N, C-alpha and C. Protein backbone atom coordinates (compact mmCIF):
# COMPACT_ATOMS: atom_id res chain seq x y z
N MET A 1 0.86 -1.18 0.00
CA MET A 1 0.00 0.00 0.00
C MET A 1 0.90 1.24 0.00
N ASP A 2 0.60 2.19 -0.89
CA ASP A 2 1.44 3.38 -0.91
C ASP A 2 1.13 4.29 0.28
N ILE A 3 2.01 5.24 0.50
CA ILE A 3 1.95 6.10 1.68
C ILE A 3 0.64 6.91 1.73
N MET A 4 0.21 7.42 0.60
CA MET A 4 -1.02 8.23 0.60
C MET A 4 -2.24 7.38 0.93
N LYS A 5 -2.28 6.16 0.44
CA LYS A 5 -3.41 5.27 0.76
C LYS A 5 -3.38 4.92 2.25
N LEU A 6 -2.18 4.69 2.77
CA LEU A 6 -2.04 4.42 4.20
C LEU A 6 -2.54 5.61 5.00
N GLY A 7 -2.10 6.80 4.63
CA GLY A 7 -2.54 8.02 5.31
C GLY A 7 -4.03 8.21 5.22
N ALA A 8 -4.59 7.95 4.05
CA ALA A 8 -6.03 8.09 3.86
C ALA A 8 -6.79 7.09 4.73
N SER A 9 -6.25 5.87 4.82
CA SER A 9 -6.89 4.86 5.67
C SER A 9 -6.86 5.28 7.13
N LEU A 10 -5.72 5.82 7.57
CA LEU A 10 -5.61 6.30 8.95
C LEU A 10 -6.59 7.44 9.21
N LEU A 11 -6.64 8.38 8.29
CA LEU A 11 -7.54 9.52 8.45
C LEU A 11 -9.00 9.07 8.39
N MET A 12 -9.31 8.13 7.49
CA MET A 12 -10.67 7.61 7.38
C MET A 12 -11.09 6.98 8.71
N GLU A 13 -10.19 6.23 9.32
CA GLU A 13 -10.47 5.61 10.61
C GLU A 13 -10.75 6.67 11.67
N LYS A 14 -9.94 7.72 11.69
CA LYS A 14 -10.11 8.79 12.68
C LYS A 14 -11.42 9.55 12.47
N LEU A 15 -11.85 9.64 11.21
CA LEU A 15 -13.08 10.36 10.90
C LEU A 15 -14.31 9.47 11.04
N GLY A 16 -14.09 8.17 11.18
CA GLY A 16 -15.21 7.24 11.28
C GLY A 16 -15.95 7.08 9.97
N SER A 17 -15.23 7.25 8.86
CA SER A 17 -15.84 7.15 7.53
C SER A 17 -15.87 5.71 7.06
N SER A 18 -16.67 5.47 6.02
CA SER A 18 -16.77 4.13 5.45
C SER A 18 -15.74 3.96 4.34
N ASP A 19 -15.51 2.72 3.94
CA ASP A 19 -14.53 2.43 2.88
C ASP A 19 -14.83 3.15 1.58
N GLY A 20 -16.07 3.48 1.33
CA GLY A 20 -16.44 4.18 0.11
C GLY A 20 -15.84 5.56 0.00
N ASN A 21 -15.37 6.11 1.12
CA ASN A 21 -14.79 7.45 1.13
C ASN A 21 -13.28 7.45 0.95
N LEU A 22 -12.66 6.27 0.81
CA LEU A 22 -11.20 6.20 0.75
C LEU A 22 -10.64 7.04 -0.40
N ASP A 23 -11.25 6.97 -1.58
CA ASP A 23 -10.75 7.75 -2.71
C ASP A 23 -10.87 9.24 -2.46
N SER A 24 -11.98 9.67 -1.87
CA SER A 24 -12.17 11.09 -1.56
C SER A 24 -11.16 11.57 -0.54
N ILE A 25 -10.91 10.75 0.47
CA ILE A 25 -9.95 11.12 1.51
C ILE A 25 -8.54 11.13 0.93
N THR A 26 -8.21 10.15 0.09
CA THR A 26 -6.89 10.12 -0.55
C THR A 26 -6.68 11.37 -1.39
N SER A 27 -7.69 11.76 -2.13
CA SER A 27 -7.60 12.97 -2.96
C SER A 27 -7.41 14.22 -2.10
N ALA A 28 -8.19 14.33 -1.04
CA ALA A 28 -8.08 15.50 -0.16
C ALA A 28 -6.71 15.54 0.51
N LEU A 29 -6.27 14.41 0.99
CA LEU A 29 -4.97 14.33 1.64
C LEU A 29 -3.85 14.64 0.66
N GLY A 30 -4.00 14.16 -0.56
CA GLY A 30 -3.01 14.44 -1.60
C GLY A 30 -2.89 15.92 -1.88
N GLY A 31 -4.01 16.62 -1.88
CA GLY A 31 -3.98 18.06 -2.10
C GLY A 31 -3.24 18.81 -1.01
N LEU A 32 -3.18 18.21 0.16
CA LEU A 32 -2.52 18.83 1.30
C LEU A 32 -1.05 18.46 1.41
N LEU A 33 -0.70 17.22 1.08
CA LEU A 33 0.63 16.70 1.39
C LEU A 33 1.54 16.45 0.20
N THR A 34 1.04 16.62 -1.01
CA THR A 34 1.87 16.28 -2.17
C THR A 34 2.29 17.52 -2.96
N ASP A 35 3.33 17.32 -3.78
CA ASP A 35 3.78 18.39 -4.66
C ASP A 35 3.01 18.33 -5.97
N SER A 36 3.37 19.15 -6.92
CA SER A 36 2.64 19.22 -8.19
C SER A 36 2.75 17.93 -9.00
N SER A 37 3.73 17.08 -8.67
CA SER A 37 3.88 15.79 -9.36
C SER A 37 3.11 14.67 -8.66
N GLY A 38 2.47 14.99 -7.54
CA GLY A 38 1.71 13.99 -6.80
C GLY A 38 2.54 13.17 -5.83
N ASN A 39 3.77 13.60 -5.58
CA ASN A 39 4.63 12.90 -4.62
C ASN A 39 4.52 13.54 -3.25
N LEU A 40 4.63 12.72 -2.21
CA LEU A 40 4.62 13.24 -0.86
C LEU A 40 5.73 14.28 -0.73
N ASP A 41 5.38 15.47 -0.30
CA ASP A 41 6.31 16.59 -0.25
C ASP A 41 6.92 16.73 1.15
N LEU A 42 7.82 15.80 1.46
CA LEU A 42 8.47 15.80 2.76
C LEU A 42 9.20 17.10 3.04
N GLY A 43 9.89 17.62 2.04
CA GLY A 43 10.68 18.84 2.21
C GLY A 43 9.84 20.01 2.69
N SER A 44 8.69 20.22 2.07
CA SER A 44 7.83 21.33 2.47
C SER A 44 7.25 21.13 3.86
N ILE A 45 6.87 19.89 4.16
CA ILE A 45 6.30 19.61 5.47
C ILE A 45 7.35 19.84 6.56
N VAL A 46 8.55 19.31 6.34
CA VAL A 46 9.63 19.48 7.32
C VAL A 46 10.01 20.94 7.44
N SER A 47 10.11 21.62 6.32
CA SER A 47 10.45 23.04 6.33
C SER A 47 9.40 23.84 7.10
N GLY A 48 8.13 23.52 6.87
CA GLY A 48 7.05 24.20 7.59
C GLY A 48 7.12 23.96 9.09
N LEU A 49 7.42 22.72 9.46
CA LEU A 49 7.57 22.41 10.88
C LEU A 49 8.74 23.17 11.49
N GLN A 50 9.84 23.25 10.75
CA GLN A 50 11.02 24.00 11.23
C GLN A 50 10.67 25.47 11.43
N GLU A 51 9.97 26.05 10.45
CA GLU A 51 9.60 27.47 10.53
C GLU A 51 8.71 27.76 11.73
N LYS A 52 7.92 26.77 12.14
CA LYS A 52 7.00 26.94 13.26
C LYS A 52 7.65 26.57 14.59
N GLY A 53 8.96 26.27 14.55
CA GLY A 53 9.66 25.90 15.77
C GLY A 53 9.40 24.46 16.20
N LEU A 54 8.99 23.63 15.25
CA LEU A 54 8.64 22.25 15.55
C LEU A 54 9.59 21.26 14.88
N GLY A 55 10.83 21.67 14.71
CA GLY A 55 11.82 20.83 14.05
C GLY A 55 12.06 19.51 14.77
N SER A 56 11.99 19.53 16.10
CA SER A 56 12.22 18.28 16.85
C SER A 56 11.12 17.26 16.57
N ILE A 57 9.93 17.75 16.31
CA ILE A 57 8.83 16.84 15.96
C ILE A 57 9.13 16.18 14.62
N ALA A 58 9.56 16.97 13.64
CA ALA A 58 9.91 16.43 12.33
C ALA A 58 11.02 15.39 12.44
N GLU A 59 12.03 15.70 13.24
CA GLU A 59 13.13 14.76 13.43
C GLU A 59 12.64 13.44 14.01
N SER A 60 11.70 13.52 14.95
CA SER A 60 11.20 12.29 15.57
C SER A 60 10.42 11.44 14.56
N TRP A 61 9.73 12.10 13.64
CA TRP A 61 8.94 11.37 12.64
C TRP A 61 9.84 10.71 11.61
N LEU A 62 10.94 11.36 11.26
CA LEU A 62 11.80 10.86 10.21
C LEU A 62 12.92 9.96 10.72
N GLY A 63 13.16 10.00 12.01
CA GLY A 63 14.24 9.21 12.58
C GLY A 63 13.73 7.97 13.30
N ASP A 64 14.65 7.29 13.92
CA ASP A 64 14.30 6.11 14.71
C ASP A 64 13.66 6.54 16.02
N GLY A 65 12.94 5.65 16.64
CA GLY A 65 12.36 5.93 17.95
C GLY A 65 10.92 6.38 17.87
N GLU A 66 10.44 6.86 19.00
CA GLU A 66 9.05 7.29 19.14
C GLU A 66 8.77 8.54 18.30
N ASN A 67 7.56 8.60 17.75
CA ASN A 67 7.11 9.80 17.05
C ASN A 67 6.50 10.76 18.05
N GLU A 68 7.02 11.98 18.08
CA GLU A 68 6.42 13.00 18.95
C GLU A 68 5.05 13.36 18.42
N ALA A 69 4.16 13.69 19.35
CA ALA A 69 2.81 14.10 18.98
C ALA A 69 2.82 15.54 18.47
N ILE A 70 1.82 15.85 17.68
CA ILE A 70 1.61 17.22 17.22
C ILE A 70 0.17 17.59 17.55
N SER A 71 -0.03 18.78 18.04
CA SER A 71 -1.37 19.20 18.42
C SER A 71 -2.19 19.59 17.19
N ALA A 72 -3.49 19.55 17.36
CA ALA A 72 -4.40 19.96 16.28
C ALA A 72 -4.13 21.42 15.90
N ASP A 73 -3.86 22.26 16.89
CA ASP A 73 -3.57 23.67 16.62
C ASP A 73 -2.29 23.82 15.79
N SER A 74 -1.28 22.99 16.08
CA SER A 74 -0.03 23.05 15.31
C SER A 74 -0.25 22.59 13.88
N VAL A 75 -1.10 21.59 13.69
CA VAL A 75 -1.43 21.13 12.34
C VAL A 75 -2.11 22.25 11.56
N LYS A 76 -3.03 22.94 12.21
CA LYS A 76 -3.73 24.06 11.57
C LYS A 76 -2.75 25.17 11.22
N ASP A 77 -1.83 25.45 12.12
CA ASP A 77 -0.81 26.47 11.88
C ASP A 77 0.12 26.06 10.74
N LEU A 78 0.44 24.77 10.67
CA LEU A 78 1.34 24.26 9.64
C LEU A 78 0.74 24.40 8.24
N PHE A 79 -0.51 23.99 8.08
CA PHE A 79 -1.13 23.97 6.75
C PHE A 79 -1.98 25.20 6.44
N GLY A 80 -2.40 25.91 7.46
CA GLY A 80 -3.22 27.10 7.26
C GLY A 80 -4.70 26.80 7.35
N SER A 81 -5.42 27.75 7.86
CA SER A 81 -6.86 27.61 8.06
C SER A 81 -7.61 27.35 6.76
N GLU A 82 -7.16 28.02 5.70
CA GLU A 82 -7.87 27.89 4.43
C GLU A 82 -7.82 26.47 3.88
N LYS A 83 -6.64 25.85 3.90
CA LYS A 83 -6.51 24.48 3.41
C LYS A 83 -7.30 23.49 4.27
N ILE A 84 -7.25 23.69 5.58
CA ILE A 84 -7.98 22.80 6.48
C ILE A 84 -9.49 22.94 6.23
N SER A 85 -9.93 24.16 6.05
CA SER A 85 -11.35 24.41 5.76
C SER A 85 -11.77 23.75 4.44
N GLN A 86 -10.91 23.84 3.43
CA GLN A 86 -11.20 23.22 2.14
C GLN A 86 -11.35 21.71 2.26
N ILE A 87 -10.43 21.10 3.00
CA ILE A 87 -10.49 19.64 3.16
C ILE A 87 -11.74 19.24 3.94
N ALA A 88 -12.04 19.98 4.99
CA ALA A 88 -13.24 19.68 5.78
C ALA A 88 -14.48 19.77 4.90
N SER A 89 -14.54 20.79 4.08
CA SER A 89 -15.67 20.96 3.17
C SER A 89 -15.72 19.83 2.13
N GLN A 90 -14.57 19.51 1.57
CA GLN A 90 -14.47 18.45 0.57
C GLN A 90 -14.93 17.11 1.13
N LEU A 91 -14.64 16.86 2.40
CA LEU A 91 -14.98 15.59 3.01
C LEU A 91 -16.27 15.65 3.83
N ASN A 92 -16.93 16.79 3.76
CA ASN A 92 -18.22 16.98 4.42
C ASN A 92 -18.14 16.67 5.93
N THR A 93 -17.13 17.27 6.57
CA THR A 93 -16.95 17.10 8.00
C THR A 93 -16.49 18.43 8.59
N ASP A 94 -16.31 18.47 9.87
CA ASP A 94 -15.89 19.72 10.50
C ASP A 94 -14.36 19.81 10.61
N GLU A 95 -13.87 21.02 10.75
CA GLU A 95 -12.43 21.26 10.82
C GLU A 95 -11.79 20.56 12.01
N GLY A 96 -12.48 20.54 13.13
CA GLY A 96 -11.94 19.89 14.32
C GLY A 96 -11.66 18.41 14.09
N SER A 97 -12.55 17.75 13.40
CA SER A 97 -12.35 16.32 13.11
C SER A 97 -11.17 16.11 12.18
N ILE A 98 -11.05 16.98 11.17
CA ILE A 98 -9.91 16.89 10.24
C ILE A 98 -8.61 17.12 10.99
N LEU A 99 -8.57 18.15 11.81
CA LEU A 99 -7.35 18.48 12.55
C LEU A 99 -6.95 17.36 13.52
N ASN A 100 -7.93 16.81 14.23
CA ASN A 100 -7.63 15.72 15.15
C ASN A 100 -7.14 14.49 14.38
N GLY A 101 -7.78 14.20 13.26
CA GLY A 101 -7.36 13.07 12.44
C GLY A 101 -5.96 13.25 11.88
N LEU A 102 -5.68 14.46 11.39
CA LEU A 102 -4.34 14.74 10.84
C LEU A 102 -3.27 14.72 11.93
N SER A 103 -3.61 15.18 13.12
CA SER A 103 -2.61 15.19 14.20
C SER A 103 -2.20 13.76 14.57
N GLU A 104 -3.06 12.79 14.33
CA GLU A 104 -2.71 11.41 14.60
C GLU A 104 -2.13 10.71 13.37
N ALA A 105 -2.63 11.06 12.19
CA ALA A 105 -2.19 10.39 10.96
C ALA A 105 -0.86 10.93 10.44
N LEU A 106 -0.63 12.22 10.53
CA LEU A 106 0.56 12.83 9.96
C LEU A 106 1.87 12.23 10.48
N PRO A 107 2.03 12.03 11.79
CA PRO A 107 3.28 11.42 12.25
C PRO A 107 3.51 10.03 11.64
N GLN A 108 2.44 9.27 11.49
CA GLN A 108 2.58 7.93 10.94
C GLN A 108 2.89 7.97 9.44
N ILE A 109 2.28 8.90 8.74
CA ILE A 109 2.56 9.05 7.30
C ILE A 109 4.03 9.39 7.09
N MET A 110 4.51 10.36 7.84
CA MET A 110 5.90 10.79 7.70
C MET A 110 6.86 9.68 8.13
N ASP A 111 6.52 8.99 9.21
CA ASP A 111 7.36 7.91 9.70
C ASP A 111 7.45 6.78 8.67
N LYS A 112 6.32 6.40 8.10
CA LYS A 112 6.30 5.31 7.11
C LYS A 112 7.02 5.71 5.83
N SER A 113 7.00 7.00 5.51
CA SER A 113 7.66 7.45 4.29
C SER A 113 9.18 7.46 4.44
N SER A 114 9.64 7.37 5.68
CA SER A 114 11.08 7.32 5.92
C SER A 114 11.45 5.95 6.47
N SER A 115 10.91 4.94 5.88
CA SER A 115 11.04 3.54 6.26
C SER A 115 12.26 3.23 7.13
N GLY A 116 12.00 2.81 8.34
CA GLY A 116 13.07 2.44 9.25
C GLY A 116 13.85 3.61 9.79
N GLY A 117 13.35 4.82 9.59
CA GLY A 117 14.05 5.99 10.07
C GLY A 117 15.30 6.31 9.28
N SER A 118 15.45 5.70 8.10
CA SER A 118 16.69 5.85 7.35
C SER A 118 16.74 7.12 6.50
N LEU A 119 15.62 7.78 6.33
CA LEU A 119 15.60 8.96 5.45
C LEU A 119 16.56 10.03 5.95
N LEU A 120 16.51 10.35 7.22
CA LEU A 120 17.38 11.40 7.74
C LEU A 120 18.85 11.07 7.50
N ASP A 121 19.23 9.85 7.78
CA ASP A 121 20.63 9.46 7.61
C ASP A 121 21.04 9.50 6.14
N SER A 122 20.17 9.04 5.27
CA SER A 122 20.54 8.92 3.86
C SER A 122 20.67 10.26 3.15
N ILE A 123 20.04 11.32 3.69
CA ILE A 123 20.12 12.62 3.01
C ILE A 123 20.85 13.66 3.84
N GLY A 124 21.50 13.24 4.91
CA GLY A 124 22.31 14.18 5.68
C GLY A 124 21.58 14.87 6.80
N GLY A 125 20.64 14.21 7.43
CA GLY A 125 19.94 14.78 8.58
C GLY A 125 18.96 15.88 8.20
N MET A 126 18.58 16.68 9.18
CA MET A 126 17.60 17.75 8.96
C MET A 126 18.11 18.76 7.94
N ASP A 127 19.41 19.04 7.95
CA ASP A 127 19.96 19.98 6.97
C ASP A 127 19.76 19.44 5.55
N GLY A 128 19.91 18.13 5.41
CA GLY A 128 19.70 17.50 4.10
C GLY A 128 18.26 17.64 3.63
N VAL A 129 17.31 17.47 4.55
CA VAL A 129 15.90 17.62 4.19
C VAL A 129 15.63 19.06 3.76
N LEU A 130 16.16 20.01 4.51
CA LEU A 130 15.95 21.41 4.18
C LEU A 130 16.63 21.77 2.85
N ASN A 131 17.81 21.21 2.60
CA ASN A 131 18.47 21.46 1.32
C ASN A 131 17.64 20.88 0.17
N MET A 132 17.01 19.70 0.40
CA MET A 132 16.13 19.13 -0.62
C MET A 132 15.00 20.11 -0.93
N ALA A 133 14.42 20.67 0.11
CA ALA A 133 13.30 21.59 -0.07
C ALA A 133 13.74 22.84 -0.82
N LYS A 134 14.93 23.36 -0.51
CA LYS A 134 15.43 24.57 -1.17
C LYS A 134 15.64 24.35 -2.66
N LYS A 135 16.05 23.14 -3.04
CA LYS A 135 16.29 22.85 -4.45
C LYS A 135 15.01 22.89 -5.27
N LEU A 136 13.88 22.73 -4.58
CA LEU A 136 12.61 22.74 -5.29
C LEU A 136 12.19 24.16 -5.67
N PHE A 137 12.77 25.15 -5.01
CA PHE A 137 12.33 26.54 -5.22
C PHE A 137 13.37 27.37 -5.90
């Protein structure tokens, strides 16, 4: 199962949705977490977390060990009210449910995308992730 489907399944579970909504949730999640090519945009997410003073959370998600929790408010701050509102509307649910679901699903999505915590090591740690993000702009 690819990372976006995994994330959509996690979010679907948190929202209490039925299997029929998996494609809708995958699409909504993709609009939030992927780049223009449809790939999970780790660089932007990590960069956003760094800018918000949450770099240690990003490191925990991408490295070995326990994933640090992120609050619903921090998720909203990371992605912005407008995007969260759009996803809530797209999925016909409230913003609070989306934020709570993302606060639980996002660490797992990021952790799974860095299989075994090897992503940080393979690209030179947090500086490597940020350098990846800079190359995109």
